[in-house]
Amino acid sequence: EILVKEAVRLVNALGISSPSILDLCTGSGCIATAIAKNLSFAKVVASDISAPAMRYAIENAGLNSAGNLVFVQGDLFEPVRGQSFHLIVSNPPYVKGDDLMGLQQEVSWYEPPEALDGGRDGLDFYRRILKAVPRYLRDGGYLVLELGLGQGIAVGEIAGECGLRVLRVLNDLSDIERVMVLEKV
């Protein structure tokens, strides 16, 4: 996973002995678990609003012995109010509302609609995350987001309006923009 590799690279480059990491919209917890396994010296917090998702995430983390990982349930930053992080990652819901019915069957069978629905234009969660993230991101820290198809420019513009700068965008194996790395201005 591109997002996990970039997150691990960024944290290692920070050179901090006990970095704090937040995974928003953790879903099944795969991203948070992989980061926790690769960065055993880090404190990783994974957040999701869905109780069923949290149950799966906790089970997945247990199966992978990620002992430096804590799960909190709530809407985006609500369960971590007052905390700050060296790194925040998220693979938020980014499918346009009108596109939900046309998803591949293997996606729609295993993912509840609320885990996919990014609103009318697919950018609702990006707007909410980018607006709030400066209050939760430590100086010198990074935000790493997974992107939906063709959303890079729009997400970059929203980020700029929220006091964040795009450092780079990474493409996936199909050469599609997939991960955006940002920092506070």
Protein backbone atom coordinates (compact mmCIF):
# COMPACT_ATOMS: atom_id res chain seq x y z
CA GLU A 1 0.00 0.00 0.00
CA ILE A 2 1.42 3.32 -1.13
CA LEU A 3 -0.05 5.28 1.78
CA VAL A 4 1.51 2.98 4.39
CA LYS A 5 4.95 3.02 2.75
CA GLU A 6 4.91 6.82 2.55
CA ALA A 7 3.70 7.14 6.15
CA VAL A 8 6.51 4.90 7.41
CA ARG A 9 9.09 6.79 5.33
CA LEU A 10 7.91 10.18 6.65
CA VAL A 11 7.92 9.10 10.30
CA ASN A 12 11.38 7.58 10.00
CA ALA A 13 12.61 10.81 8.38
CA LEU A 14 11.26 12.83 11.32
CA GLY A 15 13.71 11.02 13.60
CA ILE A 16 11.42 11.22 16.64
CA SER A 17 11.75 8.53 19.31
CA SER A 18 8.03 8.32 20.14
CA PRO A 19 5.94 9.78 17.31
CA SER A 20 2.17 10.01 17.51
CA ILE A 21 0.11 8.94 14.50
CA LEU A 22 -3.62 9.20 13.81
CA ASP A 23 -5.52 7.14 11.23
CA LEU A 24 -8.89 8.76 10.47
CA CYS A 25 -11.71 6.69 8.92
CA THR A 26 -9.76 3.54 9.78
CA GLY A 27 -12.47 1.12 8.61
CA SER A 28 -11.06 -2.40 8.96
CA GLY A 29 -7.90 -0.97 10.53
CA CYS A 30 -5.52 -2.32 7.89
CA ILE A 31 -3.66 0.98 7.41
CA ALA A 32 -3.31 1.65 11.15
CA THR A 33 -2.25 -1.94 11.82
CA ALA A 34 0.37 -1.92 9.06
CA ILE A 35 1.79 1.39 10.28
CA ALA A 36 1.85 0.17 13.90
CA LYS A 37 3.63 -3.05 12.88
CA ASN A 38 6.23 -1.14 10.84
CA LEU A 39 6.75 1.57 13.48
CA SER A 40 6.69 -0.33 16.77
CA PHE A 41 8.15 2.73 18.58
CA ALA A 42 5.18 4.91 17.56
CA LYS A 43 1.86 5.48 19.30
CA VAL A 44 -0.88 4.89 16.72
CA VAL A 45 -4.50 5.93 17.24
CA ALA A 46 -7.17 4.71 14.82
CA SER A 47 -10.57 6.38 14.66
CA ASP A 48 -13.83 5.52 12.94
CA ILE A 49 -17.47 6.41 13.47
CA SER A 50 -18.75 2.90 12.73
CA ALA A 51 -19.08 0.43 15.62
CA PRO A 52 -19.00 -2.62 13.28
CA ALA A 53 -15.86 -1.27 11.58
CA MET A 54 -14.21 -0.79 14.97
CA ARG A 55 -14.93 -4.41 15.91
CA TYR A 56 -13.26 -5.64 12.69
CA ALA A 57 -10.34 -3.24 13.15
CA ILE A 58 -9.71 -4.39 16.72
CA GLU A 59 -9.86 -8.03 15.63
CA ASN A 60 -7.46 -7.38 12.72
CA ALA A 61 -5.00 -5.58 14.99
CA GLY A 62 -5.16 -8.44 17.50
CA LEU A 63 -4.47 -11.01 14.81
CA ASN A 64 -1.43 -8.98 13.77
CA SER A 65 -0.17 -8.31 17.32
CA ALA A 66 -0.11 -4.53 16.95
CA GLY A 67 0.31 -3.63 20.62
CA ASN A 68 1.08 0.06 20.05
CA LEU A 69 -2.32 0.71 18.48
CA VAL A 70 -5.36 2.22 20.22
CA PHE A 71 -8.86 2.41 18.74
CA VAL A 72 -11.33 5.20 19.41
CA GLN A 73 -14.84 5.50 18.07
CA GLY A 74 -16.33 8.78 16.91
CA ASP A 75 -16.71 11.22 14.05
CA LEU A 76 -13.31 12.18 12.61
CA PHE A 77 -11.34 14.21 15.20
CA GLU A 78 -14.03 14.18 17.90
CA PRO A 79 -12.52 11.29 19.93
CA VAL A 80 -9.04 12.88 19.91
CA ARG A 81 -10.07 16.44 20.72
CA GLY A 82 -7.19 18.33 22.34
CA GLN A 83 -4.50 15.93 21.08
CA SER A 84 -1.90 16.57 18.38
CA PHE A 85 -0.04 14.23 16.06
CA HIS A 86 3.20 14.08 14.10
CA LEU A 87 1.43 12.25 11.28
CA ILE A 88 -2.22 11.99 10.29
CA VAL A 89 -3.31 9.55 7.59
CA SER A 90 -6.70 8.89 6.07
CA ASN A 91 -8.37 6.90 3.35
CA PRO A 92 -11.73 8.68 3.68
CA PRO A 93 -14.96 7.94 1.83
CA TYR A 94 -14.43 9.56 -1.59
CA VAL A 95 -16.93 8.01 -4.01
CA LYS A 96 -19.38 10.49 -5.53
CA GLY A 97 -22.89 9.82 -4.22
CA ASP A 98 -24.25 9.26 -7.74
CA ASP A 99 -21.52 6.69 -8.46
CA LEU A 100 -22.33 4.38 -5.53
CA MET A 101 -24.83 2.30 -7.50
CA GLY A 102 -22.30 1.64 -10.28
CA LEU A 103 -19.53 0.23 -8.10
CA GLN A 104 -18.11 -3.20 -8.78
CA GLN A 105 -20.08 -5.88 -6.98
CA GLU A 106 -17.09 -7.04 -4.91
CA VAL A 107 -16.77 -3.51 -3.52
CA SER A 108 -20.45 -2.89 -2.78
CA TRP A 109 -20.91 -6.34 -1.19
CA TYR A 110 -18.18 -5.89 1.40
CA GLU A 111 -18.27 -2.16 2.10
CA PRO A 112 -21.23 -0.39 3.71
CA PRO A 113 -22.34 2.70 1.74
CA GLU A 114 -21.26 5.08 4.52
CA ALA A 115 -17.68 3.78 4.17
CA LEU A 116 -17.65 4.86 0.52
CA ASP A 117 -20.00 7.85 0.14
CA GLY A 118 -18.02 11.07 -0.14
CA GLY A 119 -21.08 13.20 -0.87
CA ARG A 120 -22.30 14.79 -4.07
CA ASP A 121 -18.81 15.46 -5.49
CA GLY A 122 -16.87 12.90 -3.43
CA LEU A 123 -15.03 15.63 -1.53
CA ASP A 124 -17.13 16.04 1.65
CA PHE A 125 -14.71 14.20 3.94
CA TYR A 126 -11.67 15.92 2.43
CA ARG A 127 -13.26 19.30 3.20
CA ARG A 128 -13.98 18.30 6.80
CA ILE A 129 -10.55 16.75 7.40
CA LEU A 130 -8.57 19.54 5.75
CA LYS A 131 -10.46 22.27 7.58
CA ALA A 132 -9.81 20.66 11.00
CA VAL A 133 -6.36 19.12 10.55
CA PRO A 134 -4.25 22.24 11.32
CA ARG A 135 -5.53 22.07 14.92
CA TYR A 136 -4.40 18.45 15.29
CA LEU A 137 -1.18 18.34 13.28
CA ARG A 138 2.02 19.22 15.14
CA ASP A 139 4.42 21.72 13.61
CA GLY A 140 6.66 19.87 11.18
CA GLY A 141 4.11 17.05 10.89
CA TYR A 142 2.46 15.60 7.81
CA LEU A 143 -0.97 14.68 6.52
CA VAL A 144 -1.16 11.78 4.06
CA LEU A 145 -4.43 11.21 2.19
CA GLU A 146 -5.56 8.55 -0.22
CA LEU A 147 -7.22 10.12 -3.26
CA GLY A 148 -10.13 9.05 -5.42
CA LEU A 149 -9.79 9.03 -9.20
CA GLY A 150 -9.28 12.55 -10.56
CA GLN A 151 -9.56 14.28 -7.16
CA GLY A 152 -5.96 15.49 -6.76
CA ILE A 153 -6.41 19.03 -8.07
CA ALA A 154 -9.62 19.66 -6.11
CA VAL A 155 -8.16 18.25 -2.88
CA GLY A 156 -5.01 20.35 -3.37
CA GLU A 157 -7.11 23.50 -3.81
CA ILE A 158 -9.13 22.77 -0.66
CA ALA A 159 -5.89 22.11 1.22
CA GLY A 160 -4.49 25.49 0.17
CA GLU A 161 -7.62 27.24 1.44
CA CYS A 162 -7.10 25.50 4.80
CA GLY A 163 -3.47 26.51 5.34
CA LEU A 164 -1.86 23.34 4.03
CA ARG A 165 0.70 22.86 1.27
CA VAL A 166 0.89 19.87 -1.06
CA LEU A 167 4.40 18.41 -0.92
CA ARG A 168 3.86 15.63 -3.43
CA VAL A 169 1.33 13.34 -5.04
CA LEU A 170 2.21 9.68 -5.53
CA ASN A 171 0.81 7.54 -8.32
CA ASP A 172 -0.31 3.93 -8.01
CA LEU A 173 0.84 1.06 -10.25
CA SER A 174 -1.73 2.13 -12.88
CA ASP A 175 -0.13 5.61 -12.90
CA ILE A 176 -3.20 7.16 -11.25
CA GLU A 177 -2.77 9.84 -8.58
CA ARG A 178 -3.45 7.91 -5.37
CA VAL A 179 -1.73 9.50 -2.34
CA MET A 180 -1.22 13.16 -1.41
CA VAL A 181 1.34 14.32 1.17
CA LEU A 182 0.68 17.70 2.83
CA GLU A 183 2.17 19.90 5.53
CA LYS A 184 1.05 22.99 7.46
CA VAL A 185 2.12 26.28 5.89
